[in-house]
Amino acid sequence: MEHDAKTLWGKFSVLTEEMRRFLTKEDIDQYLELEHQRETVYDLIKALDKDDFRTSEEGQEMLARLKPIEEGMIRDAQIWLNKSRSHNNRVQGYGNIGGFRPQGNIFNKGF
């Protein structure tokens, strides 16, 4: 199936905007699926013999519009990663409280 650069860059743009939306919602599974789709589209763009759209005025405007979205996704991904690590550390911390053993500390006291 033959694709032109403008169509592929349009798909790339839509996927980028959707990725940001799902990352903001912290729907990481959907975000990763969209990222995979966007990577596929970008591979198609790279495989084109000619990409006049990227250097056109319209293409430059699209890339300029996508740049802050990309930067926002990087920030959002870092925030999500930090929250996930913090949550994981808290969960791990509860497992180590006071040398808790599943059989129970209360019943292990010798009377």
PDB file of N, CA and C in Angstrom:
ATOM      1  N   MET A   1       0.854  -1.185   0.000  1.00  0.00           N
ATOM      2  CA  MET A   1       0.000   0.000   0.000  1.00  0.00           C
ATOM      3  C   MET A   1       0.895   1.241   0.000  1.00  0.00           C
ATOM      4  N   GLU A   2       0.631   2.105  -0.928  1.00  0.00           N
ATOM      5  CA  GLU A   2       1.446   3.304  -1.114  1.00  0.00           C
ATOM      6  C   GLU A   2       0.931   4.431  -0.215  1.00  0.00           C
ATOM      7  N   HIS A   3       1.847   5.051   0.501  1.00  0.00           N
ATOM      8  CA  HIS A   3       1.496   6.167   1.378  1.00  0.00           C
ATOM      9  C   HIS A   3       2.314   7.374   0.964  1.00  0.00           C
ATOM     10  N   ASP A   4       1.693   8.540   1.042  1.00  0.00           N
ATOM     11  CA  ASP A   4       2.480   9.746   0.795  1.00  0.00           C
ATOM     12  C   ASP A   4       2.896  10.348   2.134  1.00  0.00           C
ATOM     13  N   ALA A   5       3.920  11.185   2.089  1.00  0.00           N
ATOM     14  CA  ALA A   5       4.509  11.737   3.311  1.00  0.00           C
ATOM     15  C   ALA A   5       3.489  12.533   4.118  1.00  0.00           C
ATOM     16  N   LYS A   6       2.666  13.318   3.448  1.00  0.00           N
ATOM     17  CA  LYS A   6       1.699  14.155   4.166  1.00  0.00           C
ATOM     18  C   LYS A   6       0.725  13.289   4.967  1.00  0.00           C
ATOM     19  N   THR A   7       0.229  12.220   4.365  1.00  0.00           N
ATOM     20  CA  THR A   7      -0.706  11.322   5.053  1.00  0.00           C
ATOM     21  C   THR A   7      -0.038  10.662   6.254  1.00  0.00           C
ATOM     22  N   LEU A   8       1.185  10.176   6.047  1.00  0.00           N
ATOM     23  CA  LEU A   8       1.891   9.514   7.146  1.00  0.00           C
ATOM     24  C   LEU A   8       2.197  10.483   8.283  1.00  0.00           C
ATOM     25  N   TRP A   9       2.623  11.704   7.950  1.00  0.00           N
ATOM     26  CA  TRP A   9       2.895  12.684   9.010  1.00  0.00           C
ATOM     27  C   TRP A   9       1.606  13.065   9.739  1.00  0.00           C
ATOM     28  N   GLY A  10       0.481  13.077   9.011  1.00  0.00           N
ATOM     29  CA  GLY A  10      -0.808  13.330   9.657  1.00  0.00           C
ATOM     30  C   GLY A  10      -1.143  12.243  10.666  1.00  0.00           C
ATOM     31  N   LYS A  11      -0.913  10.986  10.285  1.00  0.00           N
ATOM     32  CA  LYS A  11      -1.145   9.870  11.211  1.00  0.00           C
ATOM     33  C   LYS A  11      -0.200   9.962  12.406  1.00  0.00           C
ATOM     34  N   PHE A  12       1.050  10.306  12.144  1.00  0.00           N
ATOM     35  CA  PHE A  12       2.039  10.459  13.209  1.00  0.00           C
ATOM     36  C   PHE A  12       1.578  11.522  14.201  1.00  0.00           C
ATOM     37  N   SER A  13       1.055  12.625  13.676  1.00  0.00           N
ATOM     38  CA  SER A  13       0.579  13.723  14.522  1.00  0.00           C
ATOM     39  C   SER A  13      -0.594  13.284  15.397  1.00  0.00           C
ATOM     40  N   VAL A  14      -1.570  12.615  14.796  1.00  0.00           N
ATOM     41  CA  VAL A  14      -2.746  12.155  15.546  1.00  0.00           C
ATOM     42  C   VAL A  14      -2.326  11.165  16.630  1.00  0.00           C
ATOM     43  N   LEU A  15      -1.456  10.233  16.287  1.00  0.00           N
ATOM     44  CA  LEU A  15      -0.999   9.253  17.275  1.00  0.00           C
ATOM     45  C   LEU A  15      -0.251   9.923  18.418  1.00  0.00           C
ATOM     46  N   THR A  16       0.553  10.933  18.102  1.00  0.00           N
ATOM     47  CA  THR A  16       1.288  11.657  19.142  1.00  0.00           C
ATOM     48  C   THR A  16       0.327  12.347  20.102  1.00  0.00           C
ATOM     49  N   GLU A  17      -0.692  13.006  19.557  1.00  0.00           N
ATOM     50  CA  GLU A  17      -1.673  13.695  20.405  1.00  0.00           C
ATOM     51  C   GLU A  17      -2.443  12.703  21.270  1.00  0.00           C
ATOM     52  N   GLU A  18      -2.798  11.558  20.703  1.00  0.00           N
ATOM     53  CA  GLU A  18      -3.515  10.534  21.471  1.00  0.00           C
ATOM     54  C   GLU A  18      -2.621   9.939  22.558  1.00  0.00           C
ATOM     55  N   MET A  19      -1.355   9.742  22.246  1.00  0.00           N
ATOM     56  CA  MET A  19      -0.420   9.229  23.252  1.00  0.00           C
ATOM     57  C   MET A  19      -0.377  10.153  24.455  1.00  0.00           C
ATOM     58  N   ARG A  20      -0.312  11.442  24.205  1.00  0.00           N
ATOM     59  CA  ARG A  20      -0.264  12.421  25.301  1.00  0.00           C
ATOM     60  C   ARG A  20      -1.527  12.330  26.149  1.00  0.00           C
ATOM     61  N   ARG A  21      -2.661  12.200  25.465  1.00  0.00           N
ATOM     62  CA  ARG A  21      -3.941  12.129  26.175  1.00  0.00           C
ATOM     63  C   ARG A  21      -3.989  10.901  27.092  1.00  0.00           C
ATOM     64  N   PHE A  22      -3.580   9.752  26.597  1.00  0.00           N
ATOM     65  CA  PHE A  22      -3.631   8.534  27.409  1.00  0.00           C
ATOM     66  C   PHE A  22      -2.564   8.528  28.492  1.00  0.00           C
ATOM     67  N   LEU A  23      -1.428   9.163  28.235  1.00  0.00           N
ATOM     68  CA  LEU A  23      -0.404   9.260  29.272  1.00  0.00           C
ATOM     69  C   LEU A  23      -0.896  10.145  30.406  1.00  0.00           C
ATOM     70  N   THR A  24      -1.586  11.231  30.069  1.00  0.00           N
ATOM     71  CA  THR A  24      -2.154  12.120  31.079  1.00  0.00           C
ATOM     72  C   THR A  24      -3.184  11.379  31.931  1.00  0.00           C
ATOM     73  N   LYS A  25      -3.946  10.473  31.302  1.00  0.00           N
ATOM     74  CA  LYS A  25      -4.933   9.667  32.033  1.00  0.00           C
ATOM     75  C   LYS A  25      -4.279   8.498  32.772  1.00  0.00           C
ATOM     76  N   GLU A  26      -2.972   8.327  32.588  1.00  0.00           N
ATOM     77  CA  GLU A  26      -2.207   7.222  33.173  1.00  0.00           C
ATOM     78  C   GLU A  26      -2.709   5.860  32.694  1.00  0.00           C
ATOM     79  N   ASP A  27      -3.189   5.823  31.450  1.00  0.00           N
ATOM     80  CA  ASP A  27      -3.566   4.561  30.810  1.00  0.00           C
ATOM     81  C   ASP A  27      -2.344   4.088  30.023  1.00  0.00           C
ATOM     82  N   ILE A  28      -1.416   3.476  30.721  1.00  0.00           N
ATOM     83  CA  ILE A  28      -0.112   3.148  30.156  1.00  0.00           C
ATOM     84  C   ILE A  28      -0.215   2.058  29.091  1.00  0.00           C
ATOM     85  N   ASP A  29      -1.114   1.105  29.256  1.00  0.00           N
ATOM     86  CA  ASP A  29      -1.259   0.056  28.245  1.00  0.00           C
ATOM     87  C   ASP A  29      -1.662   0.653  26.901  1.00  0.00           C
ATOM     88  N   GLN A  30      -2.649   1.546  26.919  1.00  0.00           N
ATOM     89  CA  GLN A  30      -3.089   2.183  25.675  1.00  0.00           C
ATOM     90  C   GLN A  30      -1.987   3.087  25.125  1.00  0.00           C
ATOM     91  N   TYR A  31      -1.295   3.793  26.004  1.00  0.00           N
ATOM     92  CA  TYR A  31      -0.178   4.645  25.589  1.00  0.00           C
ATOM     93  C   TYR A  31       0.878   3.819  24.843  1.00  0.00           C
ATOM     94  N   LEU A  32       1.243   2.673  25.399  1.00  0.00           N
ATOM     95  CA  LEU A  32       2.266   1.833  24.774  1.00  0.00           C
ATOM     96  C   LEU A  32       1.798   1.272  23.436  1.00  0.00           C
ATOM     97  N   GLU A  33       0.518   0.939  23.337  1.00  0.00           N
ATOM     98  CA  GLU A  33      -0.029   0.468  22.062  1.00  0.00           C
ATOM     99  C   GLU A  33       0.069   1.571  21.004  1.00  0.00           C
ATOM    100  N   LEU A  34      -0.305   2.788  21.386  1.00  0.00           N
ATOM    101  CA  LEU A  34      -0.215   3.913  20.452  1.00  0.00           C
ATOM    102  C   LEU A  34       1.233   4.216  20.085  1.00  0.00           C
ATOM    103  N   GLU A  35       2.127   4.067  21.049  1.00  0.00           N
ATOM    104  CA  GLU A  35       3.552   4.308  20.779  1.00  0.00           C
ATOM    105  C   GLU A  35       4.062   3.308  19.747  1.00  0.00           C
ATOM    106  N   HIS A  36       3.623   2.070  19.860  1.00  0.00           N
ATOM    107  CA  HIS A  36       4.015   1.046  18.887  1.00  0.00           C
ATOM    108  C   HIS A  36       3.487   1.406  17.493  1.00  0.00           C
ATOM    109  N   GLN A  37       2.235   1.842  17.425  1.00  0.00           N
ATOM    110  CA  GLN A  37       1.649   2.244  16.146  1.00  0.00           C
ATOM    111  C   GLN A  37       2.400   3.433  15.553  1.00  0.00           C
ATOM    112  N   ARG A  38       2.749   4.395  16.396  1.00  0.00           N
ATOM    113  CA  ARG A  38       3.465   5.581  15.922  1.00  0.00           C
ATOM    114  C   ARG A  38       4.848   5.199  15.408  1.00  0.00           C
ATOM    115  N   GLU A  39       5.502   4.276  16.087  1.00  0.00           N
ATOM    116  CA  GLU A  39       6.813   3.804  15.637  1.00  0.00           C
ATOM    117  C   GLU A  39       6.709   3.156  14.254  1.00  0.00           C
ATOM    118  N   THR A  40       5.638   2.394  14.036  1.00  0.00           N
ATOM    119  CA  THR A  40       5.409   1.768  12.735  1.00  0.00           C
ATOM    120  C   THR A  40       5.225   2.826  11.655  1.00  0.00           C
ATOM    121  N   VAL A  41       4.436   3.856  11.955  1.00  0.00           N
ATOM    122  CA  VAL A  41       4.222   4.943  10.995  1.00  0.00           C
ATOM    123  C   VAL A  41       5.540   5.659  10.712  1.00  0.00           C
ATOM    124  N   TYR A  42       6.323   5.903  11.749  1.00  0.00           N
ATOM    125  CA  TYR A  42       7.603   6.587  11.552  1.00  0.00           C
ATOM    126  C   TYR A  42       8.551   5.746  10.695  1.00  0.00           C
ATOM    127  N   ASP A  43       8.531   4.432  10.872  1.00  0.00           N
ATOM    128  CA  ASP A  43       9.342   3.555  10.018  1.00  0.00           C
ATOM    129  C   ASP A  43       8.914   3.678   8.557  1.00  0.00           C
ATOM    130  N   LEU A  44       7.605   3.797   8.318  1.00  0.00           N
ATOM    131  CA  LEU A  44       7.109   4.001   6.952  1.00  0.00           C
ATOM    132  C   LEU A  44       7.586   5.342   6.396  1.00  0.00           C
ATOM    133  N   ILE A  45       7.595   6.371   7.247  1.00  0.00           N
ATOM    134  CA  ILE A  45       8.074   7.691   6.815  1.00  0.00           C
ATOM    135  C   ILE A  45       9.550   7.604   6.430  1.00  0.00           C
ATOM    136  N   LYS A  46      10.338   6.935   7.264  1.00  0.00           N
ATOM    137  CA  LYS A  46      11.774   6.809   6.979  1.00  0.00           C
ATOM    138  C   LYS A  46      12.028   6.016   5.700  1.00  0.00           C
ATOM    139  N   ALA A  47      11.127   5.102   5.370  1.00  0.00           N
ATOM    140  CA  ALA A  47      11.301   4.260   4.185  1.00  0.00           C
ATOM    141  C   ALA A  47      10.890   4.964   2.891  1.00  0.00           C
ATOM    142  N   LEU A  48      10.266   6.131   3.003  1.00  0.00           N
ATOM    143  CA  LEU A  48       9.853   6.855   1.800  1.00  0.00           C
ATOM    144  C   LEU A  48      11.066   7.264   0.976  1.00  0.00           C
ATOM    145  N   ASP A  49      10.888   7.226  -0.344  1.00  0.00           N
ATOM    146  CA  ASP A  49      11.955   7.697  -1.226  1.00  0.00           C
ATOM    147  C   ASP A  49      12.126   9.204  -1.102  1.00  0.00           C
ATOM    148  N   LYS A  50      11.007   9.876  -0.869  1.00  0.00           N
ATOM    149  CA  LYS A  50      11.024  11.339  -0.849  1.00  0.00           C
ATOM    150  C   LYS A  50      10.076  11.834   0.239  1.00  0.00           C
ATOM    151  N   ASP A  51      10.545  12.742   1.072  1.00  0.00           N
ATOM    152  CA  ASP A  51       9.711  13.328   2.129  1.00  0.00           C
ATOM    153  C   ASP A  51       9.742  14.846   1.996  1.00  0.00           C
ATOM    154  N   ASP A  52       9.026  15.331   0.985  1.00  0.00           N
ATOM    155  CA  ASP A  52       8.955  16.780   0.770  1.00  0.00           C
ATOM    156  C   ASP A  52       8.090  17.462   1.821  1.00  0.00           C
ATOM    157  N   PHE A  53       7.179  16.704   2.433  1.00  0.00           N
ATOM    158  CA  PHE A  53       6.265  17.315   3.392  1.00  0.00           C
ATOM    159  C   PHE A  53       7.008  17.866   4.598  1.00  0.00           C
ATOM    160  N   ARG A  54       7.984  17.140   5.092  1.00  0.00           N
ATOM    161  CA  ARG A  54       8.709  17.557   6.297  1.00  0.00           C
ATOM    162  C   ARG A  54       9.346  18.938   6.125  1.00  0.00           C
ATOM    163  N   THR A  55       9.841  19.221   4.955  1.00  0.00           N
ATOM    164  CA  THR A  55      10.511  20.504   4.711  1.00  0.00           C
ATOM    165  C   THR A  55       9.558  21.580   4.208  1.00  0.00           C
ATOM    166  N   SER A  56       8.307  21.201   3.931  1.00  0.00           N
ATOM    167  CA  SER A  56       7.329  22.195   3.476  1.00  0.00           C
ATOM    168  C   SER A  56       6.905  23.090   4.637  1.00  0.00           C
ATOM    169  N   GLU A  57       6.269  24.200   4.316  1.00  0.00           N
ATOM    170  CA  GLU A  57       5.792  25.113   5.358  1.00  0.00           C
ATOM    171  C   GLU A  57       4.781  24.413   6.266  1.00  0.00           C
ATOM    172  N   GLU A  58       3.868  23.669   5.656  1.00  0.00           N
ATOM    173  CA  GLU A  58       2.857  22.943   6.434  1.00  0.00           C
ATOM    174  C   GLU A  58       3.518  21.895   7.337  1.00  0.00           C
ATOM    175  N   GLY A  59       4.508  21.197   6.807  1.00  0.00           N
ATOM    176  CA  GLY A  59       5.227  20.195   7.591  1.00  0.00           C
ATOM    177  C   GLY A  59       5.983  20.816   8.750  1.00  0.00           C
ATOM    178  N   GLN A  60       6.615  21.950   8.511  1.00  0.00           N
ATOM    179  CA  GLN A  60       7.344  22.640   9.575  1.00  0.00           C
ATOM    180  C   GLN A  60       6.396  23.119  10.674  1.00  0.00           C
ATOM    181  N   GLU A  61       5.205  23.589  10.271  1.00  0.00           N
ATOM    182  CA  GLU A  61       4.197  24.009  11.257  1.00  0.00           C
ATOM    183  C   GLU A  61       3.756  22.814  12.106  1.00  0.00           C
ATOM    184  N   MET A  62       3.554  21.666  11.464  1.00  0.00           N
ATOM    185  CA  MET A  62       3.139  20.466  12.201  1.00  0.00           C
ATOM    186  C   MET A  62       4.229  20.049  13.184  1.00  0.00           C
ATOM    187  N   LEU A  63       5.466  20.030  12.736  1.00  0.00           N
ATOM    188  CA  LEU A  63       6.567  19.647  13.620  1.00  0.00           C
ATOM    189  C   LEU A  63       6.709  20.625  14.780  1.00  0.00           C
ATOM    190  N   ALA A  64       6.498  21.912  14.511  1.00  0.00           N
ATOM    191  CA  ALA A  64       6.569  22.915  15.579  1.00  0.00           C
ATOM    192  C   ALA A  64       5.445  22.701  16.592  1.00  0.00           C
ATOM    193  N   ARG A  65       4.272  22.279  16.107  1.00  0.00           N
ATOM    194  CA  ARG A  65       3.140  22.015  16.996  1.00  0.00           C
ATOM    195  C   ARG A  65       3.373  20.739  17.809  1.00  0.00           C
ATOM    196  N   LEU A  66       4.058  19.757  17.218  1.00  0.00           N
ATOM    197  CA  LEU A  66       4.301  18.490  17.906  1.00  0.00           C
ATOM    198  C   LEU A  66       5.406  18.586  18.952  1.00  0.00           C
ATOM    199  N   LYS A  67       6.328  19.506  18.775  1.00  0.00           N
ATOM    200  CA  LYS A  67       7.468  19.591  19.694  1.00  0.00           C
ATOM    201  C   LYS A  67       7.039  19.780  21.151  1.00  0.00           C
ATOM    202  N   PRO A  68       6.158  20.758  21.472  1.00  0.00           N
ATOM    203  CA  PRO A  68       5.746  20.889  22.879  1.00  0.00           C
ATOM    204  C   PRO A  68       4.939  19.684  23.383  1.00  0.00           C
ATOM    205  N   ILE A  69       4.227  19.013  22.487  1.00  0.00           N
ATOM    206  CA  ILE A  69       3.492  17.807  22.886  1.00  0.00           C
ATOM    207  C   ILE A  69       4.488  16.722  23.281  1.00  0.00           C
ATOM    208  N   GLU A  70       5.529  16.560  22.465  1.00  0.00           N
ATOM    209  CA  GLU A  70       6.582  15.576  22.774  1.00  0.00           C
ATOM    210  C   GLU A  70       7.251  15.904  24.109  1.00  0.00           C
ATOM    211  N   GLU A  71       7.567  17.178  24.316  1.00  0.00           N
ATOM    212  CA  GLU A  71       8.208  17.591  25.570  1.00  0.00           C
ATOM    213  C   GLU A  71       7.284  17.333  26.756  1.00  0.00           C
ATOM    214  N   GLY A  72       5.992  17.596  26.574  1.00  0.00           N
ATOM    215  CA  GLY A  72       5.015  17.328  27.630  1.00  0.00           C
ATOM    216  C   GLY A  72       4.915  15.845  27.942  1.00  0.00           C
ATOM    217  N   MET A  73       5.001  15.012  26.898  1.00  0.00           N
ATOM    218  CA  MET A  73       4.946  13.565  27.130  1.00  0.00           C
ATOM    219  C   MET A  73       6.156  13.099  27.930  1.00  0.00           C
ATOM    220  N   ILE A  74       7.303  13.683  27.659  1.00  0.00           N
ATOM    221  CA  ILE A  74       8.501  13.315  28.422  1.00  0.00           C
ATOM    222  C   ILE A  74       8.304  13.666  29.891  1.00  0.00           C
ATOM    223  N   ARG A  75       7.788  14.872  30.151  1.00  0.00           N
ATOM    224  CA  ARG A  75       7.523  15.280  31.542  1.00  0.00           C
ATOM    225  C   ARG A  75       6.490  14.361  32.187  1.00  0.00           C
ATOM    226  N   ASP A  76       5.391  14.116  31.480  1.00  0.00           N
ATOM    227  CA  ASP A  76       4.329  13.263  32.027  1.00  0.00           C
ATOM    228  C   ASP A  76       4.831  11.847  32.299  1.00  0.00           C
ATOM    229  N   ALA A  77       5.668  11.326  31.413  1.00  0.00           N
ATOM    230  CA  ALA A  77       6.217   9.980  31.614  1.00  0.00           C
ATOM    231  C   ALA A  77       7.124   9.948  32.840  1.00  0.00           C
ATOM    232  N   GLN A  78       7.911  10.998  33.031  1.00  0.00           N
ATOM    233  CA  GLN A  78       8.773  11.059  34.216  1.00  0.00           C
ATOM    234  C   GLN A  78       7.944  11.141  35.492  1.00  0.00           C
ATOM    235  N   ILE A  79       6.887  11.931  35.460  1.00  0.00           N
ATOM    236  CA  ILE A  79       5.998  12.045  36.621  1.00  0.00           C
ATOM    237  C   ILE A  79       5.366  10.688  36.920  1.00  0.00           C
ATOM    238  N   TRP A  80       4.849  10.020  35.880  1.00  0.00           N
ATOM    239  CA  TRP A  80       4.222   8.712  36.076  1.00  0.00           C
ATOM    240  C   TRP A  80       5.228   7.716  36.638  1.00  0.00           C
ATOM    241  N   LEU A  81       6.436   7.721  36.090  1.00  0.00           N
ATOM    242  CA  LEU A  81       7.464   6.791  36.558  1.00  0.00           C
ATOM    243  C   LEU A  81       7.815   7.045  38.020  1.00  0.00           C
ATOM    244  N   ASN A  82       7.956   8.319  38.392  1.00  0.00           N
ATOM    245  CA  ASN A  82       8.261   8.653  39.788  1.00  0.00           C
ATOM    246  C   ASN A  82       7.135   8.218  40.721  1.00  0.00           C
ATOM    247  N   LYS A  83       5.875   8.452  40.305  1.00  0.00           N
ATOM    248  CA  LYS A  83       4.741   8.034  41.124  1.00  0.00           C
ATOM    249  C   LYS A  83       4.701   6.517  41.267  1.00  0.00           C
ATOM    250  N   SER A  84       4.987   5.820  40.181  1.00  0.00           N
ATOM    251  CA  SER A  84       4.977   4.355  40.221  1.00  0.00           C
ATOM    252  C   SER A  84       6.070   3.823  41.131  1.00  0.00           C
ATOM    253  N   ARG A  85       7.250   4.408  41.036  1.00  0.00           N
ATOM    254  CA  ARG A  85       8.351   3.982  41.909  1.00  0.00           C
ATOM    255  C   ARG A  85       8.022   4.256  43.371  1.00  0.00           C
ATOM    256  N   SER A  86       7.460   5.431  43.633  1.00  0.00           N
ATOM    257  CA  SER A  86       7.103   5.792  45.001  1.00  0.00           C
ATOM    258  C   SER A  86       6.056   4.823  45.550  1.00  0.00           C
ATOM    259  N   HIS A  87       5.053   4.528  44.730  1.00  0.00           N
ATOM    260  CA  HIS A  87       4.003   3.596  45.140  1.00  0.00           C
ATOM    261  C   HIS A  87       4.606   2.213  45.411  1.00  0.00           C
ATOM    262  N   ASN A  88       5.467   1.769  44.527  1.00  0.00           N
ATOM    263  CA  ASN A  88       6.102   0.464  44.694  1.00  0.00           C
ATOM    264  C   ASN A  88       6.944   0.420  45.968  1.00  0.00           C
ATOM    265  N   ASN A  89       7.663   1.500  46.248  1.00  0.00           N
ATOM    266  CA  ASN A  89       8.474   1.553  47.469  1.00  0.00           C
ATOM    267  C   ASN A  89       7.600   1.499  48.719  1.00  0.00           C
ATOM    268  N   ARG A  90       6.438   2.187  48.683  1.00  0.00           N
ATOM    269  CA  ARG A  90       5.527   2.142  49.829  1.00  0.00           C
ATOM    270  C   ARG A  90       4.988   0.733  50.029  1.00  0.00           C
ATOM    271  N   VAL A  91       4.612   0.092  48.953  1.00  0.00           N
ATOM    272  CA  VAL A  91       4.087  -1.271  49.044  1.00  0.00           C
ATOM    273  C   VAL A  91       5.156  -2.200  49.599  1.00  0.00           C
ATOM    274  N   GLN A  92       6.371  -2.082  49.112  1.00  0.00           N
ATOM    275  CA  GLN A  92       7.468  -2.911  49.613  1.00  0.00           C
ATOM    276  C   GLN A  92       7.737  -2.618  51.084  1.00  0.00           C
ATOM    277  N   GLY A  93       7.615  -1.352  51.466  1.00  0.00           N
ATOM    278  CA  GLY A  93       7.845  -0.959  52.854  1.00  0.00           C
ATOM    279  C   GLY A  93       6.858  -1.590  53.810  1.00  0.00           C
ATOM    280  N   TYR A  94       5.603  -1.718  53.400  1.00  0.00           N
ATOM    281  CA  TYR A  94       4.606  -2.337  54.269  1.00  0.00           C
ATOM    282  C   TYR A  94       4.914  -3.810  54.500  1.00  0.00           C
ATOM    283  N   GLY A  95       5.567  -4.434  53.564  1.00  0.00           N
ATOM    284  CA  GLY A  95       5.908  -5.844  53.718  1.00  0.00           C
ATOM    285  C   GLY A  95       7.025  -6.069  54.718  1.00  0.00           C
ATOM    286  N   ASN A  96       7.724  -5.008  55.097  1.00  0.00           N
ATOM    287  CA  ASN A  96       8.873  -5.149  55.994  1.00  0.00           C
ATOM    288  C   ASN A  96       8.645  -4.515  57.365  1.00  0.00           C
ATOM    289  N   ILE A  97       7.433  -4.164  57.692  1.00  0.00           N
ATOM    290  CA  ILE A  97       7.155  -3.480  58.954  1.00  0.00           C
ATOM    291  C   ILE A  97       7.414  -4.415  60.124  1.00  0.00           C
ATOM    292  N   GLY A  98       8.288  -4.004  61.017  1.00  0.00           N
ATOM    293  CA  GLY A  98       8.504  -4.687  62.295  1.00  0.00           C
ATOM    294  C   GLY A  98       8.806  -6.158  62.193  1.00  0.00           C
ATOM    295  N   GLY A  99       9.426  -6.577  61.129  1.00  0.00           N
ATOM    296  CA  GLY A  99       9.747  -7.991  60.999  1.00  0.00           C
ATOM    297  C   GLY A  99       8.500  -8.855  60.977  1.00  0.00           C
ATOM    298  N   PHE A 100       7.417  -8.344  60.448  1.00  0.00           N
ATOM    299  CA  PHE A 100       6.140  -9.056  60.404  1.00  0.00           C
ATOM    300  C   PHE A 100       6.312 -10.420  59.748  1.00  0.00           C
ATOM    301  N   ARG A 101       5.786 -11.406  60.390  1.00  0.00           N
ATOM    302  CA  ARG A 101       5.782 -12.750  59.834  1.00  0.00           C
ATOM    303  C   ARG A 101       4.329 -13.163  59.651  1.00  0.00           C
ATOM    304  N   PRO A 102       4.041 -13.845  58.555  1.00  0.00           N
ATOM    305  CA  PRO A 102       2.655 -14.220  58.284  1.00  0.00           C
ATOM    306  C   PRO A 102       1.998 -15.011  59.405  1.00  0.00           C
ATOM    307  N   GLN A 103       2.753 -15.784  60.169  1.00  0.00           N
ATOM    308  CA  GLN A 103       2.133 -16.571  61.230  1.00  0.00           C
ATOM    309  C   GLN A 103       1.701 -15.696  62.393  1.00  0.00           C
ATOM    310  N   GLY A 104       2.157 -14.459  62.450  1.00  0.00           N
ATOM    311  CA  GLY A 104       1.678 -13.512  63.449  1.00  0.00           C
ATOM    312  C   GLY A 104       2.595 -13.366  64.635  1.00  0.00           C
ATOM    313  N   ASN A 105       2.882 -12.139  64.998  1.00  0.00           N
ATOM    314  CA  ASN A 105       3.743 -11.836  66.139  1.00  0.00           C
ATOM    315  C   ASN A 105       3.013 -12.000  67.461  1.00  0.00           C
ATOM    316  N   ILE A 106       1.743 -11.697  67.497  1.00  0.00           N
ATOM    317  CA  ILE A 106       0.988 -11.717  68.744  1.00  0.00           C
ATOM    318  C   ILE A 106       0.978 -13.112  69.350  1.00  0.00           C
ATOM    319  N   PHE A 107       0.794 -14.117  68.534  1.00  0.00           N
ATOM    320  CA  PHE A 107       0.674 -15.482  69.031  1.00  0.00           C
ATOM    321  C   PHE A 107       2.024 -16.157  69.276  1.00  0.00           C
ATOM    322  N   ASN A 108       3.105 -15.486  68.957  1.00  0.00           N
ATOM    323  CA  ASN A 108       4.425 -16.078  69.146  1.00  0.00           C
ATOM    324  C   ASN A 108       5.053 -15.695  70.482  1.00  0.00           C
ATOM    325  N   LYS A 109       4.349 -14.946  71.302  1.00  0.00           N
ATOM    326  CA  LYS A 109       4.894 -14.554  72.606  1.00  0.00           C
ATOM    327  C   LYS A 109       4.776 -15.738  73.561  1.00  0.00           C
ATOM    328  N   GLY A 110       5.858 -16.028  74.240  1.00  0.00           N
ATOM    329  CA  GLY A 110       5.818 -17.126  75.205  1.00  0.00           C
ATOM    330  C   GLY A 110       5.209 -16.652  76.516  1.00  0.00           C
ATOM    331  N   PHE A 111       4.179 -17.310  76.978  1.00  0.00           N
ATOM    332  CA  PHE A 111       3.543 -16.931  78.243  1.00  0.00           C
ATOM    333  C   PHE A 111       3.999 -17.826  79.338  1.00  0.00           C
TER     334      PHE A 111
END
